[in-house]
Amino acid sequence: MAETGEGPPLVLLHGGGPGASGVSNYARNIAALAKEYRVVVPDLPGYGPSSKGIDRADPFGEVADRIRGLLDRLGLDKAHFIGNSLGGACALRLPGHPRPGRPDDPHGPRRPRRHPRAAHPRTQQPARLLHGEGAFTAEAGEVHPQHQDSIDPEVVAAPPLKRPKSLKTLWKMDATRDARLSRLPVPTLVLWGAADKVNKPSGGPMLADRMPNCDLYMVADTGHWVQFERAELFNRLCADFLAGRG
């Protein structure tokens, strides 16, 4: 886990692509956001040095439960959240929603936590994640750090996420279709790349229609990693939204 800056706590939850990590997903955002916030960047379960193994029947709920535990260990009663892809889906599960099929959270009700939600990476291929030319560059022969992490023997032995076996499974896992979102009062900002090739851009309006207190910004000519491809815009929008600056 990385931590920097001072101010209200802001937790950055990374995406679920093979080899993903908090610092690599938010390499272009951490320093800018740390000017106003105490930025906490964990590696989610199954990624980086975090413990391996995750409940694939409900990965969003599993990660949300563990992030609640992290907040308890840090002594944080509430926090802002930015979630990218898998991290965004988990952030939507944090404001008091128990996991499906479970009794009420044994830890009791929790205060709602504000969280903007970004676009969704689920694969390690930069060409698919990014849209604009020049958004990703690497020296000839350079191994992208996310790919290097994805071939770690522990990750290969216990991949945190596997491709769903059927569209029915994918439908159940898709956080944009969680009926409980219609009861979520937490102010939320959705940023979605209009040229996203990993998750259909129609997911952005779907969230905005379902959630009662949601702002939507469709980012033109941008792919799956809004926070990387349009870092300056992403940083400004998130910081202003969290501070209530319009």
Protein backbone atom coordinates (compact mmCIF):
# COMPACT_ATOMS: atom_id res chain seq x y z
CA MET A 1 0.00 0.00 0.00
CA ALA A 2 1.19 3.51 -0.84
CA GLU A 3 0.14 6.64 1.04
CA THR A 4 0.95 10.30 0.49
CA GLY A 5 -0.45 13.79 1.03
CA GLU A 6 -2.51 15.43 3.76
CA GLY A 7 -6.17 16.30 4.03
CA PRO A 8 -9.42 14.31 3.79
CA PRO A 9 -8.71 10.62 3.10
CA LEU A 10 -9.06 9.52 -0.53
CA VAL A 11 -8.75 5.82 -1.41
CA LEU A 12 -7.81 4.85 -4.98
CA LEU A 13 -9.02 1.38 -6.01
CA HIS A 14 -7.32 0.00 -9.12
CA GLY A 15 -8.70 -2.12 -11.96
CA GLY A 16 -8.73 -5.87 -12.35
CA GLY A 17 -6.45 -6.52 -15.32
CA PRO A 18 -3.68 -9.12 -14.92
CA GLY A 19 -0.72 -7.55 -13.12
CA ALA A 20 -2.63 -4.42 -12.10
CA SER A 21 -1.60 -2.48 -9.00
CA GLY A 22 -2.65 0.72 -7.31
CA VAL A 23 0.47 2.73 -8.09
CA SER A 24 0.72 1.62 -11.73
CA ASN A 25 -2.98 2.30 -12.45
CA TYR A 26 -2.81 5.77 -10.91
CA ALA A 27 0.73 6.77 -11.83
CA ARG A 28 -0.51 10.01 -13.43
CA ASN A 29 -2.94 10.94 -10.66
CA ILE A 30 -1.47 10.31 -7.21
CA ALA A 31 0.79 13.37 -6.98
CA ALA A 32 -1.90 15.75 -8.28
CA LEU A 33 -4.59 14.48 -5.92
CA ALA A 34 -2.17 14.45 -2.96
CA LYS A 35 -2.04 18.26 -3.13
CA GLU A 36 -5.44 18.32 -1.41
CA TYR A 37 -6.02 14.82 -0.02
CA ARG A 38 -4.45 12.08 2.03
CA VAL A 39 -4.20 9.57 -0.81
CA VAL A 40 -4.27 5.87 0.14
CA VAL A 41 -3.44 3.44 -2.70
CA PRO A 42 -3.82 -0.26 -1.77
CA ASP A 43 -3.12 -3.26 -3.95
CA LEU A 44 -6.42 -5.14 -4.04
CA PRO A 45 -6.62 -8.81 -2.97
CA GLY A 46 -4.86 -11.02 -5.49
CA TYR A 47 -2.64 -8.21 -6.81
CA GLY A 48 0.89 -7.10 -6.01
CA PRO A 49 2.04 -8.14 -2.52
CA SER A 50 -1.54 -8.48 -1.22
CA SER A 51 -2.85 -11.90 -0.19
CA LYS A 52 -3.90 -14.17 -3.04
CA GLY A 53 -7.28 -15.82 -3.47
CA ILE A 54 -10.68 -14.16 -3.90
CA ASP A 55 -14.33 -15.21 -3.89
CA ARG A 56 -15.05 -15.40 -7.62
CA ALA A 57 -18.77 -15.82 -6.96
CA ASP A 58 -18.86 -12.21 -5.75
CA PRO A 59 -15.49 -10.51 -6.35
CA PHE A 60 -16.91 -7.00 -5.95
CA GLY A 61 -18.33 -7.79 -2.52
CA GLU A 62 -15.18 -9.64 -1.47
CA VAL A 63 -12.95 -6.67 -2.25
CA ALA A 64 -15.41 -4.22 -0.66
CA ASP A 65 -15.34 -6.24 2.56
CA ARG A 66 -11.55 -6.20 2.64
CA ILE A 67 -11.39 -2.47 1.94
CA ARG A 68 -13.71 -1.93 4.91
CA GLY A 69 -11.20 -3.88 6.98
CA LEU A 70 -8.38 -1.69 5.69
CA LEU A 71 -10.26 1.46 6.69
CA ASP A 72 -10.77 0.03 10.17
CA ARG A 73 -7.05 -0.69 10.50
CA LEU A 74 -6.25 2.85 9.37
CA GLY A 75 -8.75 4.26 11.85
CA LEU A 76 -10.82 5.92 9.09
CA ASP A 77 -14.53 6.30 9.77
CA LYS A 78 -15.20 7.64 6.28
CA ALA A 79 -13.32 8.40 3.07
CA HIS A 80 -13.69 9.50 -0.51
CA PHE A 81 -13.20 6.81 -3.17
CA ILE A 82 -12.01 6.74 -6.74
CA GLY A 83 -12.46 3.38 -8.41
CA ASN A 84 -11.23 2.24 -11.82
CA SER A 85 -13.01 -0.75 -13.41
CA LEU A 86 -13.01 -3.53 -10.78
CA GLY A 87 -12.20 -0.85 -8.20
CA GLY A 88 -15.18 1.23 -9.32
CA ALA A 89 -17.54 -1.72 -8.98
CA CYS A 90 -16.18 -2.39 -5.49
CA ALA A 91 -16.51 1.27 -4.50
CA LEU A 92 -20.20 1.13 -5.43
CA ARG A 93 -20.60 -1.73 -2.95
CA LEU A 94 -19.02 0.13 -0.04
CA PRO A 95 -21.76 2.49 1.22
CA GLY A 96 -23.52 0.05 3.49
CA HIS A 97 -24.63 -2.58 0.92
CA PRO A 98 -24.21 -6.15 2.24
CA ARG A 99 -23.11 -8.81 -0.24
CA PRO A 100 -25.98 -10.55 -2.06
CA GLY A 101 -27.32 -13.57 -0.21
CA ARG A 102 -25.69 -12.55 3.08
CA PRO A 103 -27.39 -11.30 6.24
CA ASP A 104 -26.81 -7.69 7.22
CA ASP A 105 -23.20 -6.70 7.59
CA PRO A 106 -22.08 -8.04 11.01
CA HIS A 107 -20.14 -4.85 11.55
CA GLY A 108 -23.36 -2.84 11.53
CA PRO A 109 -24.39 0.13 9.35
CA ARG A 110 -21.64 2.30 7.96
CA ARG A 111 -21.67 5.91 6.96
CA PRO A 112 -21.98 6.53 3.22
CA ARG A 113 -18.68 7.30 1.53
CA ARG A 114 -18.36 9.61 -1.46
CA HIS A 115 -16.64 8.13 -4.46
CA PRO A 116 -16.25 9.16 -8.08
CA ARG A 117 -16.06 6.20 -10.40
CA ALA A 118 -13.87 6.06 -13.49
CA ALA A 119 -13.65 3.78 -16.54
CA HIS A 120 -12.91 0.06 -16.41
CA PRO A 121 -9.66 -1.82 -17.33
CA ARG A 122 -9.93 -5.60 -17.36
CA THR A 123 -7.00 -6.58 -19.59
CA GLN A 124 -3.28 -5.86 -19.60
CA GLN A 125 -3.09 -4.85 -23.28
CA PRO A 126 -2.42 -1.07 -23.42
CA ALA A 127 -3.63 -0.86 -27.03
CA ARG A 128 -7.09 -1.98 -25.92
CA LEU A 129 -7.19 0.12 -22.78
CA LEU A 130 -6.11 3.36 -24.43
CA HIS A 131 -7.59 5.09 -27.45
CA GLY A 132 -5.75 8.27 -28.39
CA GLU A 133 -2.49 8.06 -30.32
CA GLY A 134 0.54 8.71 -28.14
CA ALA A 135 -1.36 7.94 -24.93
CA PHE A 136 0.99 5.07 -24.17
CA THR A 137 4.64 4.96 -25.16
CA ALA A 138 7.44 2.56 -24.29
CA GLU A 139 11.00 2.13 -25.40
CA ALA A 140 11.63 -0.68 -27.86
CA GLY A 141 11.91 -3.94 -25.99
CA GLU A 142 10.66 -2.47 -22.70
CA VAL A 143 8.39 -4.75 -20.64
CA HIS A 144 5.35 -2.92 -19.33
CA PRO A 145 5.36 -3.22 -15.50
CA GLN A 146 1.75 -4.44 -15.42
CA HIS A 147 2.66 -7.29 -17.78
CA GLN A 148 5.70 -8.11 -15.64
CA ASP A 149 3.48 -8.34 -12.55
CA SER A 150 0.93 -10.47 -14.41
CA ILE A 151 3.46 -13.28 -14.95
CA ASP A 152 4.38 -13.51 -11.26
CA PRO A 153 4.13 -17.23 -10.38
CA GLU A 154 1.75 -16.55 -7.47
CA VAL A 155 -0.59 -14.56 -9.71
CA VAL A 156 -0.48 -17.23 -12.43
CA ALA A 157 -1.29 -19.93 -9.85
CA ALA A 158 -4.24 -18.01 -8.35
CA PRO A 159 -5.52 -15.35 -10.79
CA PRO A 160 -7.84 -12.97 -8.92
CA LEU A 161 -10.41 -12.84 -11.72
CA LYS A 162 -11.33 -15.28 -14.48
CA ARG A 163 -13.43 -14.60 -17.53
CA PRO A 164 -17.06 -15.44 -16.71
CA LYS A 165 -18.26 -18.75 -18.19
CA SER A 166 -21.50 -17.29 -19.46
CA LEU A 167 -23.27 -14.02 -20.16
CA LYS A 168 -25.65 -14.86 -17.31
CA THR A 169 -22.74 -14.84 -14.85
CA LEU A 170 -21.44 -11.59 -16.30
CA TRP A 171 -24.88 -10.00 -15.94
CA LYS A 172 -25.05 -10.94 -12.26
CA MET A 173 -21.54 -9.55 -11.62
CA ASP A 174 -22.11 -6.27 -13.48
CA ALA A 175 -22.31 -3.52 -10.86
CA THR A 176 -24.14 -1.18 -13.25
CA ARG A 177 -27.20 -3.47 -12.95
CA ASP A 178 -27.28 -3.72 -9.14
CA ALA A 179 -30.86 -2.75 -8.21
CA ARG A 180 -29.66 -1.33 -4.88
CA LEU A 181 -27.99 1.56 -6.71
CA SER A 182 -31.39 3.23 -7.01
CA ARG A 183 -31.34 3.68 -3.22
CA LEU A 184 -27.79 5.02 -3.01
CA PRO A 185 -27.79 8.66 -1.79
CA VAL A 186 -24.01 9.10 -2.00
CA PRO A 187 -22.95 11.88 -4.43
CA THR A 188 -21.17 10.09 -7.27
CA LEU A 189 -19.26 11.17 -10.36
CA VAL A 190 -19.03 8.74 -13.29
CA LEU A 191 -16.26 9.28 -15.85
CA TRP A 192 -16.43 7.03 -18.92
CA GLY A 193 -14.35 6.96 -22.08
CA ALA A 194 -16.61 7.44 -25.10
CA ALA A 195 -14.28 5.20 -27.13
CA ASP A 196 -13.98 2.45 -24.47
CA LYS A 197 -13.42 -0.91 -26.20
CA VAL A 198 -13.45 -2.95 -22.97
CA ASN A 199 -16.76 -1.86 -21.44
CA LYS A 200 -19.49 -0.38 -23.60
CA PRO A 201 -19.88 3.40 -23.19
CA SER A 202 -23.61 2.79 -22.63
CA GLY A 203 -22.68 1.74 -19.08
CA GLY A 204 -22.15 5.39 -18.12
CA PRO A 205 -25.69 6.56 -18.88
CA MET A 206 -27.01 3.34 -17.31
CA LEU A 207 -25.39 4.27 -14.00
CA ALA A 208 -26.54 7.88 -14.22
CA ASP A 209 -30.14 6.78 -14.87
CA ARG A 210 -30.12 4.30 -12.00
CA MET A 211 -28.41 6.38 -9.29
CA PRO A 212 -30.36 9.30 -7.77
CA ASN A 213 -27.36 11.56 -7.06
CA CYS A 214 -24.99 10.87 -9.95
CA ASP A 215 -23.16 13.18 -12.36
CA LEU A 216 -21.91 11.73 -15.66
CA TYR A 217 -19.02 12.93 -17.82
CA MET A 218 -18.44 11.10 -21.11
CA VAL A 219 -14.84 11.76 -22.13
CA ALA A 220 -14.52 12.17 -25.90
CA ASP A 221 -11.95 10.25 -27.96
CA THR A 222 -10.83 8.31 -24.86
CA GLY A 223 -10.62 4.61 -24.11
CA HIS A 224 -10.80 2.49 -20.99
CA TRP A 225 -8.22 4.26 -18.82
CA VAL A 226 -9.57 7.80 -18.47
CA GLN A 227 -7.29 8.41 -15.49
CA PHE A 228 -4.22 7.60 -17.61
CA GLU A 229 -5.12 8.84 -21.08
CA ARG A 230 -6.74 12.10 -19.92
CA ALA A 231 -4.94 12.50 -16.62
CA GLU A 232 -5.11 16.30 -16.37
CA LEU A 233 -8.86 16.35 -17.00
CA PHE A 234 -9.42 13.38 -14.68
CA ASN A 235 -7.46 14.95 -11.83
CA ARG A 236 -9.23 18.29 -12.12
CA LEU A 237 -12.72 16.81 -12.34
CA CYS A 238 -12.20 14.47 -9.39
CA ALA A 239 -10.59 17.08 -7.15
CA ASP A 240 -13.29 19.65 -7.91
CA PHE A 241 -16.12 17.15 -7.44
CA LEU A 242 -14.84 15.91 -4.09
CA ALA A 243 -14.29 19.47 -2.84
CA GLY A 244 -17.74 20.58 -4.02
CA ARG A 245 -16.32 23.06 -6.51
CA GLY A 246 -19.02 22.72 -9.14
